[in-house]
Amino acid sequence: MGAGRKGLRRRAWLALGLALGALALLAVVGGLLRWRQAQWQHAEGFDLPAPRALKNPLTLWATWYWTPTYPSTGGVPLLDTEEHPLGLSLPPEQFCRAAVEGAVRIGGQVYTFAGTGPHKLTDCKPYWPQMPQAPYVRFEKSDSAYGEGVDDYDLVPYRTVAVDERHIPVGTVLYIPSARGNPITLPDGRRVLHDGYFFAADDGYGIGGNHIDVFIGVSNDCPFPWVLSRPDATFTAYIVDDSTIKEKLRRRHLPP
């Protein structure tokens, strides 16, 4: 009997030790996950605090746009607003895509929308029949990494939105609660959690009323589940009047 009780005690102590070890491991893993989440949240400046109060609500719906990367492989020439060739050309579908997006990266150089010309360069109806101005788009070299918006602002992935200036003035900061905590992948491959803030730094053809267009960089994969490209897929945004946050996002959009 004595030997049996000693065996039971040993097994009890062993079970207790295993349980404590498992709890310690869970604590370590939990700590690592919280640390990793903190690293995501604070990378690339996506660490702005949530507003203390939500004011000035807007009901919006969203689409998204990006800067495609293509090689110069011949086809439709890129011209400037004086009808001079820029020395590059793209297949018709890629040219039309670049025209619709408003910028394109070719050989490491970004070319951005500069205006329209007097005659069309190709037929974009098979690709984007709803964008009749696309064949007339002219380009210019850009010093920015992704292209320019309006008022000399640079486009910033996951921060810039294009707006109807009659509805949302350029320079407005929007806070979208549905975006806070969304995982996004930066152009260098790192993952961060979005803090929910966006800056109105662009406009565009077809952007009207309560429609905004979210710029997502060089990826063709939108990470925001609330961006559904339908007028009935609305969400709530708030105009931010915090001067510190507004200045941070404004500076982020200025050329270096």
C-alpha atoms as a PDB file:
ATOM      1  CA  MET A   1       0.000   0.000   0.000  1.00  0.00           C
ATOM      2  CA  GLY A   2       2.847   2.414   0.921  1.00  0.00           C
ATOM      3  CA  ALA A   3       4.517   1.843  -2.425  1.00  0.00           C
ATOM      4  CA  GLY A   4       1.171   2.405  -4.158  1.00  0.00           C
ATOM      5  CA  ARG A   5       0.620   5.721  -2.381  1.00  0.00           C
ATOM      6  CA  LYS A   6       4.147   6.866  -3.271  1.00  0.00           C
ATOM      7  CA  GLY A   7       3.440   5.994  -6.923  1.00  0.00           C
ATOM      8  CA  LEU A   8       0.218   7.987  -6.846  1.00  0.00           C
ATOM      9  CA  ARG A   9       2.002  10.965  -5.329  1.00  0.00           C
ATOM     10  CA  ARG A  10       4.725  10.807  -7.980  1.00  0.00           C
ATOM     11  CA  ARG A  11       2.135  10.705 -10.744  1.00  0.00           C
ATOM     12  CA  ALA A  12       0.251  13.616  -9.172  1.00  0.00           C
ATOM     13  CA  TRP A  13       3.423  15.699  -8.923  1.00  0.00           C
ATOM     14  CA  LEU A  14       4.289  14.780 -12.531  1.00  0.00           C
ATOM     15  CA  ALA A  15       0.826  15.793 -13.732  1.00  0.00           C
ATOM     16  CA  LEU A  16       1.076  19.076 -11.812  1.00  0.00           C
ATOM     17  CA  GLY A  17       4.496  19.765 -13.287  1.00  0.00           C
ATOM     18  CA  LEU A  18       3.224  19.100 -16.810  1.00  0.00           C
ATOM     19  CA  ALA A  19       0.232  21.362 -16.238  1.00  0.00           C
ATOM     20  CA  LEU A  20       2.433  24.175 -14.935  1.00  0.00           C
ATOM     21  CA  GLY A  21       4.812  23.700 -17.865  1.00  0.00           C
ATOM     22  CA  ALA A  22       1.924  23.904 -20.322  1.00  0.00           C
ATOM     23  CA  LEU A  23       0.646  27.100 -18.680  1.00  0.00           C
ATOM     24  CA  ALA A  24       4.125  28.622 -18.846  1.00  0.00           C
ATOM     25  CA  LEU A  25       4.391  27.684 -22.534  1.00  0.00           C
ATOM     26  CA  LEU A  26       0.997  29.231 -23.255  1.00  0.00           C
ATOM     27  CA  ALA A  27       2.088  32.408 -21.493  1.00  0.00           C
ATOM     28  CA  VAL A  28       5.247  32.580 -23.587  1.00  0.00           C
ATOM     29  CA  VAL A  29       3.364  31.932 -26.831  1.00  0.00           C
ATOM     30  CA  GLY A  30       0.736  34.510 -25.879  1.00  0.00           C
ATOM     31  CA  GLY A  31       3.454  37.026 -25.129  1.00  0.00           C
ATOM     32  CA  LEU A  32       5.129  36.373 -28.467  1.00  0.00           C
ATOM     33  CA  LEU A  33       1.829  36.795 -30.304  1.00  0.00           C
ATOM     34  CA  ARG A  34       1.134  40.066 -28.516  1.00  0.00           C
ATOM     35  CA  TRP A  35       4.677  41.243 -29.293  1.00  0.00           C
ATOM     36  CA  ARG A  36       4.279  40.275 -32.945  1.00  0.00           C
ATOM     37  CA  GLN A  37       0.955  42.074 -33.128  1.00  0.00           C
ATOM     38  CA  ALA A  38       2.573  45.145 -31.622  1.00  0.00           C
ATOM     39  CA  GLN A  39       5.340  44.962 -34.224  1.00  0.00           C
ATOM     40  CA  TRP A  40       2.753  44.773 -37.002  1.00  0.00           C
ATOM     41  CA  GLN A  41       0.777  47.651 -35.545  1.00  0.00           C
ATOM     42  CA  HIS A  42       3.772  49.972 -35.195  1.00  0.00           C
ATOM     43  CA  ALA A  43       5.527  49.270 -38.495  1.00  0.00           C
ATOM     44  CA  GLU A  44       5.524  51.974 -41.170  1.00  0.00           C
ATOM     45  CA  GLY A  45       3.676  54.457 -38.971  1.00  0.00           C
ATOM     46  CA  PHE A  46       0.387  52.550 -38.860  1.00  0.00           C
ATOM     47  CA  ASP A  47       0.235  53.193 -35.125  1.00  0.00           C
ATOM     48  CA  LEU A  48      -2.061  56.182 -34.796  1.00  0.00           C
ATOM     49  CA  PRO A  49      -4.439  55.943 -31.839  1.00  0.00           C
ATOM     50  CA  ALA A  50      -8.167  55.588 -32.346  1.00  0.00           C
ATOM     51  CA  PRO A  51     -10.059  58.876 -32.083  1.00  0.00           C
ATOM     52  CA  ARG A  52     -11.223  59.813 -28.600  1.00  0.00           C
ATOM     53  CA  ALA A  53     -14.594  60.742 -30.051  1.00  0.00           C
ATOM     54  CA  LEU A  54     -16.193  59.926 -33.394  1.00  0.00           C
ATOM     55  CA  LYS A  55     -17.704  62.977 -35.061  1.00  0.00           C
ATOM     56  CA  ASN A  56     -18.858  64.097 -38.499  1.00  0.00           C
ATOM     57  CA  PRO A  57     -20.044  60.704 -39.816  1.00  0.00           C
ATOM     58  CA  LEU A  58     -20.231  59.966 -43.541  1.00  0.00           C
ATOM     59  CA  THR A  59     -21.833  57.041 -45.333  1.00  0.00           C
ATOM     60  CA  LEU A  60     -19.446  55.968 -48.100  1.00  0.00           C
ATOM     61  CA  TRP A  61     -18.761  53.131 -50.497  1.00  0.00           C
ATOM     62  CA  ALA A  62     -15.379  52.260 -51.967  1.00  0.00           C
ATOM     63  CA  THR A  63     -13.465  50.880 -54.888  1.00  0.00           C
ATOM     64  CA  TRP A  64      -9.683  50.485 -55.076  1.00  0.00           C
ATOM     65  CA  TYR A  65      -6.837  51.297 -57.455  1.00  0.00           C
ATOM     66  CA  TRP A  66      -3.153  50.447 -57.822  1.00  0.00           C
ATOM     67  CA  THR A  67       0.023  51.125 -59.845  1.00  0.00           C
ATOM     68  CA  PRO A  68       0.720  48.173 -62.168  1.00  0.00           C
ATOM     69  CA  THR A  69       4.253  47.167 -63.159  1.00  0.00           C
ATOM     70  CA  TYR A  70       4.910  46.156 -66.766  1.00  0.00           C
ATOM     71  CA  PRO A  71       7.883  45.773 -69.118  1.00  0.00           C
ATOM     72  CA  SER A  72       7.998  47.905 -72.241  1.00  0.00           C
ATOM     73  CA  THR A  73       7.156  45.263 -74.819  1.00  0.00           C
ATOM     74  CA  GLY A  74       5.863  47.243 -77.787  1.00  0.00           C
ATOM     75  CA  GLY A  75       2.408  48.177 -78.933  1.00  0.00           C
ATOM     76  CA  VAL A  76       0.733  51.430 -77.893  1.00  0.00           C
ATOM     77  CA  PRO A  77       3.197  54.310 -77.343  1.00  0.00           C
ATOM     78  CA  LEU A  78       3.140  56.414 -74.193  1.00  0.00           C
ATOM     79  CA  LEU A  79       2.952  60.090 -75.179  1.00  0.00           C
ATOM     80  CA  ASP A  80       3.240  63.279 -73.148  1.00  0.00           C
ATOM     81  CA  THR A  81       0.731  66.137 -73.345  1.00  0.00           C
ATOM     82  CA  GLU A  82       2.659  67.685 -76.256  1.00  0.00           C
ATOM     83  CA  GLU A  83       2.273  64.416 -78.183  1.00  0.00           C
ATOM     84  CA  HIS A  84       5.983  63.575 -77.832  1.00  0.00           C
ATOM     85  CA  PRO A  85       6.805  59.875 -77.387  1.00  0.00           C
ATOM     86  CA  LEU A  86       8.232  58.907 -74.001  1.00  0.00           C
ATOM     87  CA  GLY A  87      10.136  56.044 -75.639  1.00  0.00           C
ATOM     88  CA  LEU A  88       7.943  53.319 -74.151  1.00  0.00           C
ATOM     89  CA  SER A  89       5.049  51.253 -75.372  1.00  0.00           C
ATOM     90  CA  LEU A  90       2.659  48.672 -73.991  1.00  0.00           C
ATOM     91  CA  PRO A  91       0.226  46.106 -75.374  1.00  0.00           C
ATOM     92  CA  PRO A  92      -3.282  47.587 -75.714  1.00  0.00           C
ATOM     93  CA  GLU A  93      -4.751  45.944 -72.607  1.00  0.00           C
ATOM     94  CA  GLN A  94      -1.807  47.008 -70.430  1.00  0.00           C
ATOM     95  CA  PHE A  95      -1.910  50.543 -71.822  1.00  0.00           C
ATOM     96  CA  CYS A  96      -5.620  50.775 -71.048  1.00  0.00           C
ATOM     97  CA  ARG A  97      -5.053  49.420 -67.537  1.00  0.00           C
ATOM     98  CA  ALA A  98      -2.334  52.026 -66.921  1.00  0.00           C
ATOM     99  CA  ALA A  99      -4.626  54.760 -68.221  1.00  0.00           C
ATOM    100  CA  VAL A 100      -7.495  53.664 -65.983  1.00  0.00           C
ATOM    101  CA  GLU A 101      -5.275  53.366 -62.882  1.00  0.00           C
ATOM    102  CA  GLY A 102      -3.608  56.704 -63.602  1.00  0.00           C
ATOM    103  CA  ALA A 103      -0.009  55.469 -63.299  1.00  0.00           C
ATOM    104  CA  VAL A 104       2.278  52.655 -64.393  1.00  0.00           C
ATOM    105  CA  ARG A 105       5.772  51.489 -63.434  1.00  0.00           C
ATOM    106  CA  ILE A 106       8.036  50.473 -66.330  1.00  0.00           C
ATOM    107  CA  GLY A 107      11.658  49.493 -65.807  1.00  0.00           C
ATOM    108  CA  GLY A 108      11.650  50.922 -62.281  1.00  0.00           C
ATOM    109  CA  GLN A 109      10.361  54.330 -63.448  1.00  0.00           C
ATOM    110  CA  VAL A 110       6.842  55.504 -62.655  1.00  0.00           C
ATOM    111  CA  TYR A 111       4.827  57.343 -65.311  1.00  0.00           C
ATOM    112  CA  THR A 112       1.716  59.125 -64.121  1.00  0.00           C
ATOM    113  CA  PHE A 113      -1.370  60.705 -65.643  1.00  0.00           C
ATOM    114  CA  ALA A 114      -0.573  64.076 -67.193  1.00  0.00           C
ATOM    115  CA  GLY A 115      -3.789  64.857 -69.077  1.00  0.00           C
ATOM    116  CA  THR A 116      -5.519  63.804 -72.268  1.00  0.00           C
ATOM    117  CA  GLY A 117      -4.679  64.274 -75.926  1.00  0.00           C
ATOM    118  CA  PRO A 118      -6.690  65.135 -79.028  1.00  0.00           C
ATOM    119  CA  HIS A 119      -6.827  61.630 -80.462  1.00  0.00           C
ATOM    120  CA  LYS A 120      -7.094  58.142 -79.041  1.00  0.00           C
ATOM    121  CA  LEU A 121      -4.111  55.799 -79.130  1.00  0.00           C
ATOM    122  CA  THR A 122      -5.933  52.469 -79.013  1.00  0.00           C
ATOM    123  CA  ASP A 123      -9.350  50.935 -78.428  1.00  0.00           C
ATOM    124  CA  CYS A 124     -10.043  50.335 -74.734  1.00  0.00           C
ATOM    125  CA  LYS A 125     -13.692  49.324 -75.123  1.00  0.00           C
ATOM    126  CA  PRO A 126     -12.919  45.573 -75.045  1.00  0.00           C
ATOM    127  CA  TYR A 127     -11.261  46.010 -71.637  1.00  0.00           C
ATOM    128  CA  TRP A 128     -12.925  49.031 -69.959  1.00  0.00           C
ATOM    129  CA  PRO A 129     -16.031  50.110 -71.881  1.00  0.00           C
ATOM    130  CA  GLN A 130     -17.083  52.295 -68.942  1.00  0.00           C
ATOM    131  CA  MET A 131     -13.913  54.448 -69.220  1.00  0.00           C
ATOM    132  CA  PRO A 132     -14.183  56.246 -72.582  1.00  0.00           C
ATOM    133  CA  GLN A 133     -11.351  58.671 -71.758  1.00  0.00           C
ATOM    134  CA  ALA A 134      -8.739  55.908 -71.316  1.00  0.00           C
ATOM    135  CA  PRO A 135      -7.484  55.828 -74.967  1.00  0.00           C
ATOM    136  CA  TYR A 136      -6.760  59.573 -74.794  1.00  0.00           C
ATOM    137  CA  VAL A 137      -4.595  59.507 -71.647  1.00  0.00           C
ATOM    138  CA  ARG A 138      -1.128  61.057 -71.780  1.00  0.00           C
ATOM    139  CA  PHE A 139       1.667  60.396 -69.277  1.00  0.00           C
ATOM    140  CA  GLU A 140       4.699  62.062 -67.717  1.00  0.00           C
ATOM    141  CA  LYS A 141       7.645  60.866 -65.643  1.00  0.00           C
ATOM    142  CA  SER A 142       7.114  60.873 -61.918  1.00  0.00           C
ATOM    143  CA  ASP A 143       9.684  61.279 -59.157  1.00  0.00           C
ATOM    144  CA  SER A 144       7.446  59.446 -56.704  1.00  0.00           C
ATOM    145  CA  ALA A 145       7.443  55.728 -55.962  1.00  0.00           C
ATOM    146  CA  TYR A 146       3.825  55.147 -56.980  1.00  0.00           C
ATOM    147  CA  GLY A 147       2.566  58.283 -58.750  1.00  0.00           C
ATOM    148  CA  GLU A 148       1.042  61.622 -57.800  1.00  0.00           C
ATOM    149  CA  GLY A 149      -2.402  62.598 -56.702  1.00  0.00           C
ATOM    150  CA  VAL A 150      -3.570  66.223 -56.713  1.00  0.00           C
ATOM    151  CA  ASP A 151      -2.106  69.350 -55.109  1.00  0.00           C
ATOM    152  CA  ASP A 152       1.421  67.878 -55.455  1.00  0.00           C
ATOM    153  CA  TYR A 153       0.670  65.031 -53.047  1.00  0.00           C
ATOM    154  CA  ASP A 154       2.338  61.653 -53.583  1.00  0.00           C
ATOM    155  CA  LEU A 155       0.276  58.485 -53.509  1.00  0.00           C
ATOM    156  CA  VAL A 156       0.866  56.366 -50.393  1.00  0.00           C
ATOM    157  CA  PRO A 157      -0.237  52.712 -50.315  1.00  0.00           C
ATOM    158  CA  TYR A 158      -3.133  52.012 -47.939  1.00  0.00           C
ATOM    159  CA  ARG A 159      -3.270  55.683 -46.897  1.00  0.00           C
ATOM    160  CA  THR A 160      -4.346  57.637 -49.986  1.00  0.00           C
ATOM    161  CA  VAL A 161      -7.961  57.842 -51.085  1.00  0.00           C
ATOM    162  CA  ALA A 162      -9.322  59.522 -54.176  1.00  0.00           C
ATOM    163  CA  VAL A 163     -12.443  61.570 -53.513  1.00  0.00           C
ATOM    164  CA  ASP A 164     -15.033  63.832 -55.065  1.00  0.00           C
ATOM    165  CA  GLU A 165     -13.745  67.221 -53.885  1.00  0.00           C
ATOM    166  CA  ARG A 166     -17.282  68.600 -53.817  1.00  0.00           C
ATOM    167  CA  HIS A 167     -18.157  66.007 -51.176  1.00  0.00           C
ATOM    168  CA  ILE A 168     -14.826  65.506 -49.358  1.00  0.00           C
ATOM    169  CA  PRO A 169     -12.171  68.220 -49.763  1.00  0.00           C
ATOM    170  CA  VAL A 170      -8.603  67.219 -50.632  1.00  0.00           C
ATOM    171  CA  GLY A 171      -6.553  67.202 -47.436  1.00  0.00           C
ATOM    172  CA  THR A 172      -9.352  65.646 -45.384  1.00  0.00           C
ATOM    173  CA  VAL A 173      -8.432  62.828 -43.003  1.00  0.00           C
ATOM    174  CA  LEU A 174     -10.971  60.019 -42.749  1.00  0.00           C
ATOM    175  CA  TYR A 175     -11.206  57.444 -39.968  1.00  0.00           C
ATOM    176  CA  ILE A 176     -12.879  54.195 -41.039  1.00  0.00           C
ATOM    177  CA  PRO A 177     -13.532  51.896 -38.055  1.00  0.00           C
ATOM    178  CA  SER A 178     -13.995  48.903 -40.377  1.00  0.00           C
ATOM    179  CA  ALA A 179     -10.371  49.308 -41.504  1.00  0.00           C
ATOM    180  CA  ARG A 180      -8.812  49.318 -38.043  1.00  0.00           C
ATOM    181  CA  GLY A 181      -7.000  46.040 -37.402  1.00  0.00           C
ATOM    182  CA  ASN A 182      -7.158  44.875 -41.029  1.00  0.00           C
ATOM    183  CA  PRO A 183      -3.910  43.026 -41.906  1.00  0.00           C
ATOM    184  CA  ILE A 184      -2.138  44.567 -44.900  1.00  0.00           C
ATOM    185  CA  THR A 185       1.042  43.585 -46.730  1.00  0.00           C
ATOM    186  CA  LEU A 186       3.412  46.447 -47.453  1.00  0.00           C
ATOM    187  CA  PRO A 187       5.311  46.653 -50.755  1.00  0.00           C
ATOM    188  CA  ASP A 188       8.444  45.285 -49.023  1.00  0.00           C
ATOM    189  CA  GLY A 189       6.531  42.188 -47.892  1.00  0.00           C
ATOM    190  CA  ARG A 190       6.065  43.101 -44.228  1.00  0.00           C
ATOM    191  CA  ARG A 191       2.673  42.705 -42.592  1.00  0.00           C
ATOM    192  CA  VAL A 192       1.066  45.405 -40.474  1.00  0.00           C
ATOM    193  CA  LEU A 193      -2.320  46.097 -38.936  1.00  0.00           C
ATOM    194  CA  HIS A 194      -4.063  49.139 -40.338  1.00  0.00           C
ATOM    195  CA  ASP A 195      -4.996  51.886 -37.880  1.00  0.00           C
ATOM    196  CA  GLY A 196      -8.070  53.037 -39.810  1.00  0.00           C
ATOM    197  CA  TYR A 197      -6.861  56.445 -41.063  1.00  0.00           C
ATOM    198  CA  PHE A 198      -6.862  57.614 -44.693  1.00  0.00           C
ATOM    199  CA  PHE A 199      -5.893  60.868 -46.398  1.00  0.00           C
ATOM    200  CA  ALA A 200      -7.765  62.451 -49.315  1.00  0.00           C
ATOM    201  CA  ALA A 201      -4.954  63.216 -51.762  1.00  0.00           C
ATOM    202  CA  ASP A 202      -6.383  62.314 -55.167  1.00  0.00           C
ATOM    203  CA  ASP A 203      -9.428  62.528 -57.394  1.00  0.00           C
ATOM    204  CA  GLY A 204     -10.380  60.663 -60.509  1.00  0.00           C
ATOM    205  CA  TYR A 205     -12.795  60.017 -63.341  1.00  0.00           C
ATOM    206  CA  GLY A 206     -15.925  58.301 -62.053  1.00  0.00           C
ATOM    207  CA  ILE A 207     -15.321  59.261 -58.398  1.00  0.00           C
ATOM    208  CA  GLY A 208     -18.445  61.126 -57.360  1.00  0.00           C
ATOM    209  CA  GLY A 209     -20.599  61.812 -54.335  1.00  0.00           C
ATOM    210  CA  ASN A 210     -20.061  59.348 -51.492  1.00  0.00           C
ATOM    211  CA  HIS A 211     -17.722  57.132 -53.556  1.00  0.00           C
ATOM    212  CA  ILE A 212     -14.026  56.929 -52.539  1.00  0.00           C
ATOM    213  CA  ASP A 213     -11.202  55.041 -54.260  1.00  0.00           C
ATOM    214  CA  VAL A 214      -8.578  53.448 -51.991  1.00  0.00           C
ATOM    215  CA  PHE A 215      -4.988  53.288 -53.249  1.00  0.00           C
ATOM    216  CA  ILE A 216      -3.270  49.970 -52.435  1.00  0.00           C
ATOM    217  CA  GLY A 217       0.174  50.380 -54.031  1.00  0.00           C
ATOM    218  CA  VAL A 218       1.571  47.835 -56.482  1.00  0.00           C
ATOM    219  CA  SER A 219      -0.611  44.907 -55.456  1.00  0.00           C
ATOM    220  CA  ASN A 220      -3.643  43.858 -57.448  1.00  0.00           C
ATOM    221  CA  ASP A 221      -5.201  42.257 -54.370  1.00  0.00           C
ATOM    222  CA  CYS A 222      -7.303  44.504 -52.124  1.00  0.00           C
ATOM    223  CA  PRO A 223      -6.989  43.457 -48.454  1.00  0.00           C
ATOM    224  CA  PHE A 224      -9.955  45.441 -47.163  1.00  0.00           C
ATOM    225  CA  PRO A 225     -13.128  43.353 -46.779  1.00  0.00           C
ATOM    226  CA  TRP A 226     -15.294  46.492 -46.672  1.00  0.00           C
ATOM    227  CA  VAL A 227     -14.160  47.599 -50.154  1.00  0.00           C
ATOM    228  CA  LEU A 228     -16.712  45.796 -52.307  1.00  0.00           C
ATOM    229  CA  SER A 229     -16.949  48.127 -55.344  1.00  0.00           C
ATOM    230  CA  ARG A 230     -20.731  48.399 -55.067  1.00  0.00           C
ATOM    231  CA  PRO A 231     -22.750  51.534 -54.290  1.00  0.00           C
ATOM    232  CA  ASP A 232     -24.973  49.515 -51.938  1.00  0.00           C
ATOM    233  CA  ALA A 233     -21.976  48.226 -49.930  1.00  0.00           C
ATOM    234  CA  THR A 234     -21.726  51.245 -47.670  1.00  0.00           C
ATOM    235  CA  PHE A 235     -19.798  51.798 -44.452  1.00  0.00           C
ATOM    236  CA  THR A 236     -19.381  54.638 -41.980  1.00  0.00           C
ATOM    237  CA  ALA A 237     -16.379  56.960 -41.971  1.00  0.00           C
ATOM    238  CA  TYR A 238     -15.642  59.951 -39.794  1.00  0.00           C
ATOM    239  CA  ILE A 239     -13.915  63.241 -40.613  1.00  0.00           C
ATOM    240  CA  VAL A 240     -10.939  63.697 -38.297  1.00  0.00           C
ATOM    241  CA  ASP A 241     -10.207  67.150 -36.897  1.00  0.00           C
ATOM    242  CA  ASP A 242      -7.203  66.192 -34.747  1.00  0.00           C
ATOM    243  CA  SER A 243      -4.500  68.604 -35.964  1.00  0.00           C
ATOM    244  CA  THR A 244      -1.612  66.302 -34.981  1.00  0.00           C
ATOM    245  CA  ILE A 245      -2.951  63.343 -36.955  1.00  0.00           C
ATOM    246  CA  LYS A 246      -3.879  65.541 -39.918  1.00  0.00           C
ATOM    247  CA  GLU A 247      -0.358  66.988 -40.069  1.00  0.00           C
ATOM    248  CA  LYS A 248       1.282  63.546 -39.804  1.00  0.00           C
ATOM    249  CA  LEU A 249      -0.702  62.212 -42.736  1.00  0.00           C
ATOM    250  CA  ARG A 250      -0.244  65.384 -44.759  1.00  0.00           C
ATOM    251  CA  ARG A 251       3.534  65.200 -44.340  1.00  0.00           C
ATOM    252  CA  ARG A 252       3.502  61.525 -45.264  1.00  0.00           C
ATOM    253  CA  HIS A 253       2.030  62.520 -48.640  1.00  0.00           C
ATOM    254  CA  LEU A 254       4.561  65.250 -49.411  1.00  0.00           C
ATOM    255  CA  PRO A 255       7.369  64.539 -51.889  1.00  0.00           C
ATOM    256  CA  PRO A 256      10.703  63.706 -50.190  1.00  0.00           C
END
